[in-house]
N, C-alpha and C. Protein backbone atom coordinates (compact mmCIF):
# COMPACT_ATOMS: atom_id res chain seq x y z
N MET A 1 16.34 15.78 25.66
CA MET A 1 17.27 16.06 26.90
C MET A 1 17.68 14.42 27.56
N VAL A 2 18.91 14.29 27.78
CA VAL A 2 19.15 12.88 28.87
C VAL A 2 19.67 13.48 30.02
N LYS A 3 19.72 12.57 31.01
CA LYS A 3 20.06 12.91 32.36
C LYS A 3 21.69 11.94 32.76
N LEU A 4 23.02 12.78 32.57
CA LEU A 4 24.16 12.18 32.93
C LEU A 4 24.71 12.23 34.22
N MET A 5 25.19 11.09 34.98
CA MET A 5 25.14 10.95 36.21
C MET A 5 26.64 10.50 36.13
N TYR A 6 27.45 10.91 37.25
CA TYR A 6 28.87 10.73 37.33
C TYR A 6 29.32 10.48 38.77
N PHE A 7 29.90 9.11 38.87
CA PHE A 7 30.11 8.57 40.58
C PHE A 7 31.73 8.71 40.91
N ALA A 8 31.53 8.65 42.10
CA ALA A 8 33.03 8.69 42.79
C ALA A 8 34.04 9.38 42.28
N GLN A 9 35.22 9.00 41.74
CA GLN A 9 36.62 9.60 41.22
C GLN A 9 36.05 10.48 40.11
N LEU A 10 34.74 10.01 39.34
CA LEU A 10 34.62 10.47 37.82
C LEU A 10 33.81 11.90 38.66
N ALA A 11 33.08 12.05 39.49
CA ALA A 11 32.10 13.21 39.84
C ALA A 11 33.55 14.35 40.40
N GLU A 12 34.62 13.68 40.90
CA GLU A 12 35.62 14.67 41.57
C GLU A 12 36.40 15.08 40.37
N THR A 13 36.67 14.32 39.37
CA THR A 13 37.48 14.61 38.49
C THR A 13 36.54 15.75 37.74
N LEU A 14 35.47 15.34 37.29
CA LEU A 14 34.49 16.57 36.61
C LEU A 14 34.04 17.76 37.29
N ASP A 15 34.24 17.65 38.62
CA ASP A 15 33.44 18.61 39.44
C ASP A 15 32.05 18.70 39.38
N CYS A 16 31.22 17.55 38.80
CA CYS A 16 30.00 17.63 38.50
C CYS A 16 29.22 16.07 38.88
N THR A 17 28.27 15.99 39.52
CA THR A 17 27.75 14.59 39.64
C THR A 17 26.58 14.32 38.93
N SER A 18 25.97 15.17 38.08
CA SER A 18 24.86 15.10 37.23
C SER A 18 24.82 16.24 36.35
N GLU A 19 24.04 16.12 35.21
CA GLU A 19 24.05 17.21 34.37
C GLU A 19 22.95 16.69 33.23
N GLN A 20 21.96 17.50 32.89
CA GLN A 20 20.94 17.46 31.86
C GLN A 20 21.86 18.09 30.53
N VAL A 21 21.75 17.30 29.49
CA VAL A 21 22.18 17.61 28.38
C VAL A 21 21.11 17.21 27.13
N THR A 22 21.35 18.27 26.25
CA THR A 22 20.75 17.98 25.08
C THR A 22 21.72 17.36 23.65
N LEU A 23 21.44 15.94 23.64
CA LEU A 23 22.49 15.41 22.48
C LEU A 23 22.25 16.07 20.94
N PRO A 24 23.25 16.01 20.48
CA PRO A 24 23.45 16.42 18.90
C PRO A 24 22.33 14.96 18.32
N VAL A 25 22.39 15.39 17.27
CA VAL A 25 21.43 14.04 16.45
C VAL A 25 22.54 12.91 16.09
N SER A 26 23.63 13.44 16.03
CA SER A 26 25.10 12.50 15.68
C SER A 26 25.23 11.43 16.97
N VAL A 27 24.53 11.79 17.86
CA VAL A 27 24.81 10.66 19.09
C VAL A 27 23.47 10.18 19.49
N GLY A 28 23.65 8.54 19.15
CA GLY A 28 22.53 7.74 19.25
C GLY A 28 23.22 6.53 19.97
N ASN A 29 24.11 6.31 20.20
CA ASN A 29 24.59 5.34 21.08
C ASN A 29 25.62 5.62 22.48
N VAL A 30 26.04 4.56 23.05
CA VAL A 30 26.97 5.20 24.38
C VAL A 30 28.57 5.40 23.50
N SER A 31 28.98 4.70 22.74
CA SER A 31 29.92 5.15 22.23
C SER A 31 30.36 6.51 21.68
N GLN A 32 29.13 6.73 20.96
CA GLN A 32 28.99 8.18 20.41
C GLN A 32 29.02 9.13 21.43
N LEU A 33 28.42 9.05 22.44
CA LEU A 33 28.23 9.61 23.64
C LEU A 33 29.40 10.05 24.14
N VAL A 34 30.28 9.30 24.36
CA VAL A 34 31.73 9.05 25.24
C VAL A 34 32.38 10.10 24.15
N ASP A 35 32.32 9.78 22.73
CA ASP A 35 33.08 10.54 22.09
C ASP A 35 32.75 12.03 21.88
N TRP A 36 31.50 12.27 21.78
CA TRP A 36 31.10 13.64 21.85
C TRP A 36 31.70 14.58 23.21
N LEU A 37 31.31 13.72 24.56
CA LEU A 37 31.67 14.17 25.79
C LEU A 37 33.26 14.56 25.35
N GLY A 38 33.87 13.76 24.92
CA GLY A 38 35.61 13.92 25.13
C GLY A 38 35.74 15.18 24.14
N ARG A 39 34.82 15.62 23.23
CA ARG A 39 35.40 16.75 22.52
C ARG A 39 34.74 17.71 23.32
N ARG A 40 33.90 17.94 24.51
CA ARG A 40 33.44 19.07 25.22
C ARG A 40 34.55 19.30 26.14
N GLU A 41 35.13 18.68 26.63
CA GLU A 41 36.11 18.59 28.13
C GLU A 41 37.28 17.59 28.07
N ASP A 42 38.31 18.01 27.89
CA ASP A 42 39.47 17.31 27.99
C ASP A 42 39.39 16.53 29.25
N ALA A 43 39.24 16.79 30.34
CA ALA A 43 39.08 16.23 31.62
C ALA A 43 38.02 14.93 31.49
N CYS A 44 37.02 15.33 30.73
CA CYS A 44 35.71 14.33 30.78
C CYS A 44 36.59 13.17 29.94
N TRP A 45 37.16 13.36 28.60
CA TRP A 45 37.71 12.43 27.67
C TRP A 45 38.58 11.32 28.75
N LYS A 46 39.40 11.88 29.24
CA LYS A 46 40.19 11.40 30.11
C LYS A 46 39.61 10.22 31.16
N ALA A 47 38.53 10.93 31.71
CA ALA A 47 38.00 10.10 32.71
C ALA A 47 37.32 9.20 32.17
N LEU A 48 36.64 9.39 30.93
CA LEU A 48 35.70 8.41 30.53
C LEU A 48 36.41 7.13 29.48
N ALA A 49 37.66 7.48 29.39
CA ALA A 49 38.36 6.97 28.29
C ALA A 49 38.72 5.38 28.50
N GLY A 50 38.65 4.37 27.71
CA GLY A 50 38.83 3.11 27.94
C GLY A 50 38.23 2.12 28.94
N ASP A 51 38.66 1.31 29.24
CA ASP A 51 37.74 0.23 30.11
C ASP A 51 37.52 0.52 31.64
N LYS A 52 37.92 1.74 31.85
CA LYS A 52 37.88 2.10 33.39
C LYS A 52 36.46 2.34 33.92
N VAL A 53 35.62 2.51 33.03
CA VAL A 53 34.00 3.05 33.32
C VAL A 53 33.07 2.10 32.84
N ALA A 54 32.43 1.71 33.48
CA ALA A 54 30.95 0.78 33.08
C ALA A 54 29.56 2.10 33.00
N VAL A 55 29.06 1.64 32.09
CA VAL A 55 27.98 2.51 31.70
C VAL A 55 26.81 1.96 32.08
N MET A 56 25.93 2.67 32.45
CA MET A 56 24.38 1.92 32.76
C MET A 56 23.37 2.92 32.01
N VAL A 57 22.61 2.59 30.93
CA VAL A 57 21.40 2.96 30.37
C VAL A 57 20.19 2.83 31.35
N ASN A 58 19.42 3.73 31.89
CA ASN A 58 18.07 3.67 32.47
C ASN A 58 18.45 2.21 33.43
N ARG A 59 19.60 2.21 34.20
CA ARG A 59 19.97 1.44 35.18
C ARG A 59 20.20 -0.10 34.84
N GLN A 60 20.38 -0.08 33.74
CA GLN A 60 20.92 -1.32 32.90
C GLN A 60 22.19 -1.50 32.28
N PRO A 61 23.09 -2.26 32.75
CA PRO A 61 24.39 -2.50 32.13
C PRO A 61 24.62 -2.23 30.36
N SER A 62 25.23 -1.41 30.31
CA SER A 62 25.49 -1.24 28.62
C SER A 62 26.61 -1.25 27.76
N GLY A 63 26.63 -1.48 26.70
CA GLY A 63 28.04 -1.52 26.08
C GLY A 63 28.16 -0.37 24.99
N PRO A 64 28.97 -0.19 24.29
CA PRO A 64 29.31 0.97 23.10
C PRO A 64 28.03 0.99 22.50
N GLU A 65 27.49 -0.03 22.00
CA GLU A 65 26.21 -0.13 20.70
C GLU A 65 25.28 0.15 21.50
N THR A 66 24.98 0.17 22.80
CA THR A 66 23.73 0.63 23.25
C THR A 66 23.17 1.76 23.01
N ALA A 67 21.69 1.75 22.21
CA ALA A 67 21.04 2.73 21.88
C ALA A 67 20.82 3.73 23.02
N ILE A 68 21.04 5.39 22.72
CA ILE A 68 20.35 6.32 23.69
C ILE A 68 19.15 7.26 23.00
N LYS A 69 18.41 7.45 23.88
CA LYS A 69 17.58 8.31 23.10
C LYS A 69 17.07 9.44 24.40
N ASP A 70 16.21 10.45 23.83
CA ASP A 70 15.68 11.38 24.67
C ASP A 70 14.96 11.07 25.86
N GLY A 71 15.36 11.47 27.02
CA GLY A 71 14.83 10.91 28.20
C GLY A 71 15.52 9.77 29.17
N ASP A 72 16.51 9.19 28.34
CA ASP A 72 17.53 8.39 29.22
C ASP A 72 18.10 8.87 30.42
N GLU A 73 18.53 8.01 31.35
CA GLU A 73 19.29 8.42 32.20
C GLU A 73 20.77 7.29 32.04
N ILE A 74 21.70 8.21 31.55
CA ILE A 74 22.97 7.46 31.76
C ILE A 74 23.89 7.56 32.84
N ALA A 75 24.41 6.73 33.36
CA ALA A 75 25.27 6.34 34.68
C ALA A 75 26.85 6.12 34.19
N PHE A 76 27.42 6.78 34.72
CA PHE A 76 28.88 6.52 34.20
C PHE A 76 29.75 5.98 35.85
N ILE A 77 30.06 4.61 35.87
CA ILE A 77 30.78 4.44 37.14
C ILE A 77 31.97 3.62 37.12
N PRO A 78 32.76 4.21 37.92
CA PRO A 78 34.26 3.79 37.69
C PRO A 78 34.31 2.21 38.08
N GLU A 79 35.06 1.18 37.21
CA GLU A 79 35.16 0.05 37.31
C GLU A 79 35.46 -0.72 38.63
N ARG A 80 36.04 0.05 39.69
CA ARG A 80 36.39 -0.55 40.78
C ARG A 80 34.98 -0.44 41.71
N LEU A 81 33.86 0.20 41.39
CA LEU A 81 32.74 0.23 42.25
C LEU A 81 31.49 -0.80 41.59
N LYS A 82 31.78 -1.23 40.42
CA LYS A 82 30.83 -2.14 39.93
C LYS A 82 30.67 -3.43 41.14
């Protein structure tokens, strides 16, 4: 299970500030996580798509290929707040 955290307008768009989720085996990096989230909810995909959002894994700046694993904390932060 990982903890997903959403900030500012992302939290408003998704009507959620955080959630605990169990990831499918096919999700092993940030890019795959964003794709998976996009398949869950249309609003999530629109909010997370493109370069509008910075991702932090365990409080470290992360890119699309950053690995994620059980127990990680993943934050999605709108670019204007970075």
